[in-house]
Amino acid sequence: MIEVPRVFIKRSAFIFFAMLLLLGCLTPTARSFFGLPTHYKMYVGDSLASLSFPRGFLNDKLVWEVSNDEIFQVTAGEPMVARTPGRCIASLKLFGIIPLRHIAITAVPLQKVVPGGQSIGVLLHPYGVQIVGEAPITTVDGYENNPALEAGLRIGDMILKINSEKMVSDLDVKRVIDQAGARGDSLHIVVKRRGKVLAFNVKPRYCPETDRYRIGVLIRDSAAGVGTLSFYSPKTNCFGALGHMITDGYSAQRMELSDGKIVEAFIQDIRSAKKGQPGEKLGIFYGSNNIAGTISKNTVYGIFGTLHEPIANSHYKKTIPVALLNQIEVGPAEMLTVIDGNKIERFSLEIEEVRPEAFRDGKGLIIRITDDKLLRRTGGIIQGMSGSPIIQNGKLVGAITHVFINNPARGYGVPAEWMIRECGLLKQENLQGNRETSINSNQRYRKVA
């Protein structure tokens, strides 16, 4: 009789039990357990029932215990309900004895807003005046020269000061240049370039064509574009729109605003999207007072500010709850947007993925347009739809932000929780973004300097 070595038996047993453990970890029940978050946010009035396990996982043997009894209302045989805002540690125990999981719980007040969908015109004035192109000076002898670029200035530079005088408008720049040129003086120009402040000395030259002194560049002191309002809070009068940051379009840096406002926009036509060719809403800024607001913040999650007058939504007469990130589900939803005039319409879409880790660029949702009417009319997501609210199960879950260039039916969205945090409706957390989207270049105002 052959004797099997004990070492072999031990190794075989170890491998067998390891395989059983591995197979157990791959079951849906086990995945749901290990998929529980380490941090969980919920509204006051909600229960921990949403963190329960699938049927058959000893649910009647699992007990939640919390480190702060003041936050949760505990009733025998009932799920634990958050009754006040606050933070605590929730421990999941088997039979109330064996600890399985610890989760940091934050309970916050329920937030409700009026969903948007209205097309808006966005009017911006940055700090300084931006160089947006070349405009060479042609002398009487027919020679072209460009004093600004020869001195080291570049397209995309933001002119902050000239000869210690702050530059607010294109008129300021042209006046100071012409006066210095007439005196025969050089200009000391301070610019901001990719976050760095630089200084250059430039000698203006006379331009026979304009009959004044110039430095050879195109400048812009304001920008404008069409977007979509995402939500409005009647409690605070704050609004959120666009769902993404506005950049200067040249350096891809965040546009620092001196002031800005939103007004109602009227959509006249649609340029449909195609693979590799983004579409666009073509609109004019409406001369009514239906929508008017002041922009105070330009962040990775959109633009935010204060509306001067309340607004209404024809599809949602009352405020609706804002979904927290963990309340968003993969599946059907709807979006609100305008594709004709100023009429808000509802269109179907599918939320394909929720990406909590994408808070730095705001692209927390991947969505796909499923509405046949919208696909026929626009080809999918187009410029001007940015900010269109996404609604699921009666809650505002996010807003449209970006399109997949090679598949216009798909794109990204920003979760509504991240937007209302920027608006001040939820406590600010230390989340910083680094992804930006610029206003369409054909909607900029340009002046010659």
Protein backbone atom coordinates (compact mmCIF):
# COMPACT_ATOMS: atom_id res chain seq x y z
CA MET A 1 0.00 0.00 0.00
CA ILE A 2 1.33 3.39 -1.02
CA GLU A 3 1.47 5.94 1.78
CA VAL A 4 0.58 9.50 0.77
CA PRO A 5 2.91 12.08 2.35
CA ARG A 6 1.28 14.39 4.89
CA VAL A 7 2.76 17.43 3.18
CA PHE A 8 0.96 16.50 -0.01
CA ILE A 9 -2.35 16.07 1.86
CA LYS A 10 -1.94 19.46 3.56
CA ARG A 11 -1.15 21.19 0.29
CA SER A 12 -4.08 19.53 -1.47
CA ALA A 13 -6.44 20.50 1.33
CA PHE A 14 -5.13 24.07 1.26
CA ILE A 15 -5.62 24.30 -2.52
CA PHE A 16 -9.12 22.79 -2.25
CA PHE A 17 -10.30 25.22 0.41
CA ALA A 18 -8.64 28.15 -1.41
CA MET A 19 -10.60 27.24 -4.55
CA LEU A 20 -13.82 27.01 -2.54
CA LEU A 21 -13.10 30.44 -1.05
CA LEU A 22 -12.36 31.88 -4.48
CA LEU A 23 -15.56 30.43 -5.97
CA GLY A 24 -17.49 31.76 -2.99
CA CYS A 25 -16.09 35.25 -3.55
CA LEU A 26 -17.28 35.15 -7.16
CA THR A 27 -20.93 34.56 -6.29
CA PRO A 28 -23.35 37.53 -6.68
CA THR A 29 -24.05 37.48 -2.94
CA ALA A 30 -20.38 37.70 -2.03
CA ARG A 31 -19.73 40.39 -4.63
CA SER A 32 -22.55 42.47 -3.16
CA PHE A 33 -20.96 42.14 0.26
CA PHE A 34 -17.47 43.13 -0.84
CA GLY A 35 -19.00 45.85 -3.02
CA LEU A 36 -20.34 47.72 0.00
CA PRO A 37 -18.76 51.20 0.10
CA THR A 38 -16.40 52.35 2.82
CA HIS A 39 -18.17 55.74 2.81
CA TYR A 40 -21.90 56.22 2.29
CA LYS A 41 -23.98 59.39 2.03
CA MET A 42 -27.74 59.43 2.64
CA TYR A 43 -30.53 61.93 3.16
CA VAL A 44 -32.23 62.52 6.49
CA GLY A 45 -35.36 60.34 6.39
CA ASP A 46 -33.69 57.56 4.40
CA SER A 47 -32.94 54.15 5.92
CA LEU A 48 -30.02 51.77 5.75
CA ALA A 49 -32.27 49.27 3.96
CA SER A 50 -30.57 50.24 0.68
CA LEU A 51 -27.38 48.61 2.03
CA SER A 52 -29.09 45.27 2.68
CA PHE A 53 -27.97 42.05 1.00
CA PRO A 54 -29.77 39.90 -1.58
CA ARG A 55 -32.39 37.49 -0.33
CA GLY A 56 -30.84 34.35 1.13
CA PHE A 57 -27.79 36.00 2.71
CA LEU A 58 -28.90 35.61 6.34
CA ASN A 59 -30.50 39.07 6.27
CA ASP A 60 -32.42 38.25 9.44
CA LYS A 61 -29.11 37.52 11.20
CA LEU A 62 -27.37 40.78 10.18
CA VAL A 63 -27.46 43.71 12.60
CA TRP A 64 -26.40 47.34 12.04
CA GLU A 65 -24.85 49.18 14.96
CA VAL A 66 -23.90 52.88 14.86
CA SER A 67 -21.41 54.95 16.83
CA ASN A 68 -23.83 57.88 17.28
CA ASP A 69 -27.36 56.96 18.32
CA GLU A 70 -28.54 60.59 17.94
CA ILE A 71 -28.34 60.40 14.14
CA PHE A 72 -30.42 57.24 13.63
CA GLN A 73 -33.83 56.26 14.89
CA VAL A 74 -33.70 52.61 15.99
CA THR A 75 -36.96 50.64 16.04
CA ALA A 76 -37.00 46.91 16.77
CA GLY A 77 -37.55 44.91 13.61
CA GLU A 78 -37.40 48.01 11.38
CA PRO A 79 -34.58 49.47 9.22
CA MET A 80 -32.51 52.19 10.85
CA VAL A 81 -33.64 55.65 9.66
CA ALA A 82 -31.48 58.79 9.71
CA ARG A 83 -33.34 61.46 11.67
CA THR A 84 -30.75 64.26 11.91
CA PRO A 85 -27.75 65.40 9.85
CA GLY A 86 -24.41 64.10 11.06
CA ARG A 87 -21.69 61.49 10.71
CA CYS A 88 -21.12 58.14 12.34
CA ILE A 89 -19.60 54.71 11.82
CA ALA A 90 -22.05 51.90 11.02
CA SER A 91 -20.87 48.37 11.83
CA LEU A 92 -22.48 45.34 10.20
CA LYS A 93 -22.42 42.33 12.53
CA LEU A 94 -23.51 38.74 12.13
CA PHE A 95 -25.90 37.78 14.95
CA GLY A 96 -25.05 41.18 16.39
CA ILE A 97 -21.68 39.79 17.53
CA ILE A 98 -19.30 39.00 14.66
CA PRO A 99 -18.16 42.21 12.87
CA LEU A 100 -18.21 41.96 9.07
CA ARG A 101 -17.93 45.51 7.74
CA HIS A 102 -17.50 49.12 8.90
CA ILE A 103 -18.94 51.99 6.85
CA ALA A 104 -18.62 55.75 7.45
CA ILE A 105 -22.14 57.19 7.15
CA THR A 106 -22.96 60.84 6.43
CA ALA A 107 -26.57 61.97 6.75
CA VAL A 108 -27.44 65.25 5.00
CA PRO A 109 -30.67 67.27 4.66
CA LEU A 110 -32.85 66.39 1.65
CA GLN A 111 -32.28 68.78 -1.27
CA LYS A 112 -34.97 69.68 -3.79
CA VAL A 113 -34.67 71.85 -6.91
CA VAL A 114 -36.59 72.89 -9.99
CA PRO A 115 -35.09 71.01 -12.98
CA GLY A 116 -33.95 73.19 -15.89
CA GLY A 117 -33.80 72.35 -19.58
CA GLN A 118 -34.11 75.95 -20.83
CA SER A 119 -31.62 77.15 -23.42
CA ILE A 120 -29.51 80.02 -22.13
CA GLY A 121 -27.06 82.50 -23.54
CA VAL A 122 -23.86 82.70 -21.48
CA LEU A 123 -22.15 86.13 -21.52
CA LEU A 124 -18.73 86.36 -19.91
CA HIS A 125 -16.13 89.01 -19.14
CA PRO A 126 -12.80 87.56 -17.97
CA TYR A 127 -10.13 89.28 -15.89
CA GLY A 128 -8.10 91.06 -18.53
CA VAL A 129 -8.23 91.09 -22.32
CA GLN A 130 -7.16 88.03 -24.28
CA ILE A 131 -5.00 87.80 -27.39
CA VAL A 132 -6.95 85.54 -29.77
CA GLY A 133 -5.11 85.96 -33.08
CA GLU A 134 -2.60 87.78 -35.25
CA ALA A 135 -3.29 91.05 -37.11
CA PRO A 136 0.02 92.10 -38.73
CA ILE A 137 0.65 95.80 -39.38
CA THR A 138 1.30 96.67 -43.03
CA THR A 139 3.54 99.71 -43.42
CA VAL A 140 3.35 102.29 -46.24
CA ASP A 141 6.20 100.38 -47.90
CA GLY A 142 4.09 97.19 -47.96
CA TYR A 143 6.04 95.31 -45.27
CA GLU A 144 4.21 93.30 -42.58
CA ASN A 145 5.37 93.26 -38.99
CA ASN A 146 4.01 92.17 -35.65
CA PRO A 147 5.55 93.97 -32.65
CA ALA A 148 3.66 91.92 -30.04
CA LEU A 149 4.69 88.47 -31.27
CA GLU A 150 8.22 89.67 -32.02
CA ALA A 151 8.51 90.78 -28.39
CA GLY A 152 7.39 87.35 -27.10
CA LEU A 153 3.64 87.67 -26.63
CA ARG A 154 1.57 84.66 -27.76
CA ILE A 155 -1.97 83.84 -28.82
CA GLY A 156 -3.91 82.88 -25.70
CA ASP A 157 -2.10 85.34 -23.41
CA MET A 158 -4.39 87.31 -21.12
CA ILE A 159 -3.33 90.96 -20.95
CA LEU A 160 -3.72 92.08 -17.33
CA LYS A 161 -1.91 95.44 -17.27
CA ILE A 162 -0.24 97.87 -19.65
CA ASN A 163 2.06 100.46 -18.06
CA SER A 164 0.63 99.58 -14.60
CA GLU A 165 -2.97 100.29 -15.76
CA LYS A 166 -5.44 97.41 -15.45
CA MET A 167 -6.99 96.35 -18.75
CA VAL A 168 -10.75 95.72 -18.53
CA SER A 169 -11.92 96.12 -22.13
CA ASP A 170 -10.60 96.17 -25.68
CA LEU A 171 -11.14 99.94 -25.66
CA ASP A 172 -8.68 100.27 -22.76
CA VAL A 173 -6.03 98.35 -24.69
CA LYS A 174 -6.46 100.32 -27.92
CA ARG A 175 -6.43 103.67 -26.09
CA VAL A 176 -3.25 102.98 -24.10
CA ILE A 177 -1.42 101.59 -27.15
CA ASP A 178 -2.34 104.54 -29.37
CA GLN A 179 -1.41 107.15 -26.75
CA ALA A 180 1.97 105.53 -26.02
CA GLY A 181 2.70 105.19 -29.75
CA ALA A 182 1.93 108.85 -30.36
CA ARG A 183 4.43 109.80 -27.64
CA GLY A 184 7.03 107.39 -29.01
CA ASP A 185 6.99 105.34 -25.79
CA SER A 186 7.28 101.59 -25.33
CA LEU A 187 4.64 99.53 -23.54
CA HIS A 188 5.26 97.42 -20.43
CA ILE A 189 2.68 94.63 -20.88
CA VAL A 190 1.88 92.15 -18.08
CA VAL A 191 0.13 88.95 -19.19
CA LYS A 192 -1.02 85.69 -17.69
CA ARG A 193 0.00 82.53 -19.58
CA ARG A 194 -0.94 79.06 -18.33
CA GLY A 195 -1.11 80.27 -14.75
CA LYS A 196 2.17 82.23 -14.88
CA VAL A 197 2.44 86.04 -14.88
CA LEU A 198 4.96 87.36 -17.44
CA ALA A 199 6.02 90.84 -18.57
CA PHE A 200 7.13 92.10 -22.00
CA ASN A 201 8.23 95.41 -23.50
CA VAL A 202 6.58 96.21 -26.85
CA LYS A 203 7.08 99.19 -29.15
CA PRO A 204 3.79 100.19 -30.91
CA ARG A 205 3.91 100.94 -34.64
CA TYR A 206 1.76 103.16 -36.76
CA CYS A 207 -0.86 101.40 -38.91
CA PRO A 208 -1.86 103.42 -42.00
CA GLU A 209 -4.93 101.24 -42.54
CA THR A 210 -6.51 102.09 -39.16
CA ASP A 211 -4.77 105.48 -38.73
CA ARG A 212 -3.57 104.63 -35.21
CA TYR A 213 -0.75 102.86 -33.38
CA ARG A 214 -1.08 99.11 -32.90
CA ILE A 215 0.93 96.06 -31.73
CA GLY A 216 -0.39 93.54 -34.29
CA VAL A 217 -2.84 91.24 -32.51
CA LEU A 218 -6.55 90.42 -32.32
CA ILE A 219 -8.00 90.78 -28.84
CA ARG A 220 -11.19 89.77 -27.06
CA ASP A 221 -12.68 91.19 -23.88
CA SER A 222 -15.82 89.02 -23.73
CA ALA A 223 -17.17 85.66 -24.83
CA ALA A 224 -20.61 84.25 -25.49
CA GLY A 225 -22.15 80.84 -26.12
CA VAL A 226 -25.33 78.78 -25.91
CA GLY A 227 -25.84 76.23 -23.15
CA THR A 228 -28.59 74.72 -21.00
CA LEU A 229 -29.80 75.49 -17.49
CA SER A 230 -29.52 72.43 -15.22
CA PHE A 231 -31.47 73.41 -12.10
CA TYR A 232 -32.71 76.25 -9.93
CA SER A 233 -33.15 76.31 -6.15
CA PRO A 234 -36.16 78.43 -5.04
CA LYS A 235 -34.81 78.34 -1.49
CA THR A 236 -31.56 80.14 -2.31
CA ASN A 237 -32.19 81.48 -5.87
CA CYS A 238 -28.97 79.74 -6.98
CA PHE A 239 -28.70 78.02 -10.37
CA GLY A 240 -26.37 75.54 -12.00
CA ALA A 241 -25.74 75.23 -15.75
CA LEU A 242 -23.48 73.69 -18.43
CA GLY A 243 -22.10 70.94 -16.18
CA HIS A 244 -18.52 71.65 -17.27
CA MET A 245 -15.90 74.34 -16.94
CA ILE A 246 -15.54 77.18 -19.43
CA THR A 247 -11.97 77.70 -20.59
CA ASP A 248 -10.33 80.40 -22.66
CA GLY A 249 -10.21 78.04 -25.65
CA TYR A 250 -6.52 78.69 -26.38
CA SER A 251 -4.54 77.67 -23.32
CA ALA A 252 -7.30 75.25 -22.13
CA GLN A 253 -7.10 76.96 -18.74
CA ARG A 254 -10.08 77.93 -16.63
CA MET A 255 -11.48 81.32 -17.59
CA GLU A 256 -11.29 83.56 -14.54
CA LEU A 257 -14.37 85.73 -14.60
CA SER A 258 -14.56 89.42 -13.91
CA ASP A 259 -18.32 89.18 -14.35
CA GLY A 260 -20.83 87.15 -16.30
CA LYS A 261 -24.54 86.61 -16.79
CA ILE A 262 -27.06 84.25 -18.33
CA VAL A 263 -30.09 85.20 -20.42
CA GLU A 264 -32.76 83.27 -22.30
CA ALA A 265 -31.76 81.86 -25.70
CA PHE A 266 -33.99 81.02 -28.67
CA ILE A 267 -32.91 78.01 -30.78
CA GLN A 268 -33.32 78.78 -34.48
CA ASP A 269 -31.71 75.74 -36.07
CA ILE A 270 -29.80 72.52 -35.39
CA ARG A 271 -26.57 71.38 -36.98
CA SER A 272 -26.73 67.59 -36.63
CA ALA A 273 -23.85 65.58 -35.23
CA LYS A 274 -22.03 62.95 -37.26
CA LYS A 275 -19.18 60.61 -36.47
CA GLY A 276 -16.13 62.82 -36.04
CA GLN A 277 -18.19 66.02 -36.50
CA PRO A 278 -19.83 67.52 -33.38
CA GLY A 279 -23.26 69.05 -33.94
CA GLU A 280 -24.45 72.38 -32.58
CA LYS A 281 -27.50 74.34 -31.50
CA LEU A 282 -27.74 77.60 -33.42
CA GLY A 283 -29.49 80.25 -31.38
CA ILE A 284 -29.88 83.89 -30.54
CA PHE A 285 -30.13 85.50 -27.15
CA TYR A 286 -33.73 86.26 -26.44
CA GLY A 287 -34.66 89.82 -25.53
CA SER A 288 -37.07 88.80 -22.76
CA ASN A 289 -36.68 88.75 -19.00
CA ASN A 290 -37.85 85.13 -18.61
CA ILE A 291 -34.35 84.07 -17.62
CA ALA A 292 -31.76 86.44 -16.17
CA GLY A 293 -28.99 85.65 -13.74
CA THR A 294 -25.52 86.56 -12.55
CA ILE A 295 -22.63 84.08 -12.80
CA SER A 296 -20.42 83.87 -9.71
CA LYS A 297 -18.50 80.59 -10.15
CA ASN A 298 -16.90 78.75 -13.07
CA THR A 299 -15.83 75.25 -11.95
CA VAL A 300 -15.19 71.79 -13.36
CA TYR A 301 -18.84 70.95 -12.55
CA GLY A 302 -20.36 73.92 -14.40
CA ILE A 303 -21.21 77.57 -13.91
CA PHE A 304 -23.17 78.73 -10.88
CA GLY A 305 -24.78 81.93 -9.73
CA THR A 306 -28.02 83.66 -8.77
CA LEU A 307 -31.22 84.06 -10.78
CA HIS A 308 -32.89 87.46 -10.59
CA GLU A 309 -36.40 86.01 -10.91
CA PRO A 310 -37.86 82.52 -10.23
CA ILE A 311 -38.36 80.21 -13.20
CA ALA A 312 -40.82 77.41 -13.89
CA ASN A 313 -40.62 74.11 -15.75
CA SER A 314 -43.65 73.04 -17.80
CA HIS A 315 -42.93 69.33 -17.17
CA TYR A 316 -42.22 69.57 -13.45
CA LYS A 317 -44.53 71.98 -11.66
CA LYS A 318 -42.96 71.31 -8.25
CA THR A 319 -39.44 70.82 -6.97
CA ILE A 320 -37.95 67.33 -7.18
CA PRO A 321 -35.30 65.64 -5.00
CA VAL A 322 -31.65 65.62 -6.05
CA ALA A 323 -30.26 62.06 -6.17
CA LEU A 324 -27.10 61.35 -4.25
CA LEU A 325 -24.41 59.54 -6.22
CA ASN A 326 -25.18 56.15 -4.63
CA GLN A 327 -28.87 56.55 -5.57
CA ILE A 328 -28.18 56.71 -9.32
CA GLU A 329 -28.95 53.45 -11.13
CA VAL A 330 -27.72 52.01 -14.39
CA GLY A 331 -30.78 51.97 -16.64
CA PRO A 332 -33.42 54.19 -18.29
CA ALA A 333 -33.70 57.91 -17.60
CA GLU A 334 -34.82 61.07 -19.39
CA MET A 335 -33.27 64.40 -20.28
CA LEU A 336 -34.81 67.83 -20.71
CA THR A 337 -33.57 70.15 -23.43
CA VAL A 338 -34.67 72.59 -26.16
CA ILE A 339 -34.23 71.81 -29.87
CA ASP A 340 -36.77 74.29 -31.26
CA GLY A 341 -37.45 77.84 -30.10
CA ASN A 342 -37.70 77.89 -26.32
CA LYS A 343 -39.87 74.78 -25.82
CA ILE A 344 -38.49 72.29 -23.30
CA GLU A 345 -38.95 68.68 -24.43
CA ARG A 346 -38.37 65.29 -22.77
CA PHE A 347 -36.16 62.66 -24.41
CA SER A 348 -35.21 59.14 -23.33
CA LEU A 349 -31.68 57.97 -22.62
CA GLU A 350 -29.84 55.16 -20.86
CA ILE A 351 -27.37 55.56 -18.02
CA GLU A 352 -24.71 52.98 -18.91
CA GLU A 353 -22.21 53.52 -16.11
CA VAL A 354 -21.81 55.43 -12.84
CA ARG A 355 -18.19 56.42 -12.16
CA PRO A 356 -17.67 57.73 -8.58
CA GLU A 357 -13.92 57.91 -9.16
CA ALA A 358 -14.30 60.54 -11.91
CA PHE A 359 -14.92 63.49 -9.58
CA ARG A 360 -11.75 65.24 -10.77
CA ASP A 361 -12.99 65.69 -14.33
CA GLY A 362 -16.73 65.72 -13.57
CA LYS A 363 -17.47 62.85 -15.98
CA GLY A 364 -19.23 60.69 -13.39
CA LEU A 365 -21.86 59.28 -15.76
CA ILE A 366 -21.69 57.58 -19.15
CA ILE A 367 -24.98 57.94 -21.02
CA ARG A 368 -26.47 56.92 -24.36
CA ILE A 369 -29.31 58.67 -26.17
CA THR A 370 -32.09 56.18 -27.01
CA ASP A 371 -34.82 58.58 -28.16
CA ASP A 372 -35.51 58.10 -31.90
CA LYS A 373 -36.88 61.61 -32.36
CA LEU A 374 -33.81 63.25 -30.83
CA LEU A 375 -31.41 61.02 -32.78
CA ARG A 376 -33.15 61.91 -36.06
CA ARG A 377 -33.16 65.63 -35.25
CA THR A 378 -29.69 66.12 -33.75
CA GLY A 379 -27.76 62.90 -34.37
CA GLY A 380 -27.19 62.61 -30.62
CA ILE A 381 -25.49 64.97 -28.15
CA ILE A 382 -24.55 68.34 -29.65
CA GLN A 383 -22.95 71.57 -28.47
CA GLY A 384 -25.50 73.66 -26.61
CA MET A 385 -26.95 70.59 -24.82
CA SER A 386 -24.35 70.92 -22.07
CA GLY A 387 -26.23 71.24 -18.80
CA SER A 388 -29.41 69.46 -19.97
CA PRO A 389 -30.79 67.85 -16.78
CA ILE A 390 -31.03 64.05 -16.47
CA ILE A 391 -33.96 62.73 -14.42
CA GLN A 392 -34.42 59.19 -13.14
CA ASN A 393 -37.12 57.82 -10.82
CA GLY A 394 -38.42 61.34 -10.24
CA LYS A 395 -35.03 62.64 -9.08
CA LEU A 396 -32.48 64.96 -10.68
CA VAL A 397 -29.46 62.69 -11.12
CA GLY A 398 -27.15 64.75 -13.32
CA ALA A 399 -26.59 66.87 -16.42
CA ILE A 400 -25.22 66.26 -19.93
CA THR A 401 -21.64 67.52 -20.37
CA HIS A 402 -19.63 65.96 -23.21
CA VAL A 403 -20.13 63.92 -26.37
CA PHE A 404 -18.12 60.97 -27.70
CA ILE A 405 -16.81 62.41 -30.98
CA ASN A 406 -16.81 59.03 -32.73
CA ASN A 407 -20.29 58.12 -31.45
CA PRO A 408 -22.51 61.20 -30.89
CA ALA A 409 -25.28 59.06 -29.37
CA ARG A 410 -23.05 58.49 -26.32
CA GLY A 411 -21.43 60.92 -23.94
CA TYR A 412 -20.71 61.95 -20.37
CA GLY A 413 -22.73 63.53 -17.62
CA VAL A 414 -21.91 65.10 -14.28
CA PRO A 415 -23.78 63.80 -11.17
CA ALA A 416 -26.23 66.30 -9.70
CA GLU A 417 -24.77 65.82 -6.22
CA TRP A 418 -21.46 67.29 -7.37
CA MET A 419 -23.26 70.27 -8.93
CA ILE A 420 -25.39 71.16 -5.90
CA ARG A 421 -22.29 70.96 -3.72
CA GLU A 422 -20.70 73.66 -5.88
CA CYS A 423 -23.89 75.69 -5.57
CA GLY A 424 -23.61 75.58 -1.76
CA LEU A 425 -26.65 73.37 -1.18
CA LEU A 426 -24.45 70.61 0.24
CA LYS A 427 -21.38 71.01 2.43
CA GLN A 428 -18.30 71.58 0.27
CA GLU A 429 -15.79 68.76 0.12
CA ASN A 430 -12.21 68.86 -1.05
CA LEU A 431 -12.71 67.72 -4.64
CA GLN A 432 -10.72 69.42 -7.36
CA GLY A 433 -11.16 69.01 -11.11
CA ASN A 434 -8.81 69.23 -14.02
CA ARG A 435 -10.97 68.74 -17.11
CA GLU A 436 -12.36 71.67 -19.06
CA THR A 437 -14.46 72.42 -22.11
CA SER A 438 -14.33 75.67 -24.04
CA ILE A 439 -17.00 77.87 -25.58
CA ASN A 440 -17.41 77.46 -29.33
CA SER A 441 -14.85 79.54 -31.21
CA ASN A 442 -17.45 80.89 -33.62
CA GLN A 443 -19.26 82.56 -30.73
CA ARG A 444 -16.45 84.89 -29.59
CA TYR A 445 -16.15 88.62 -29.96
CA ARG A 446 -12.82 89.72 -31.44
CA LYS A 447 -11.26 93.17 -31.69
CA VAL A 448 -8.06 94.44 -33.31
CA ALA A 449 -5.19 95.94 -31.28
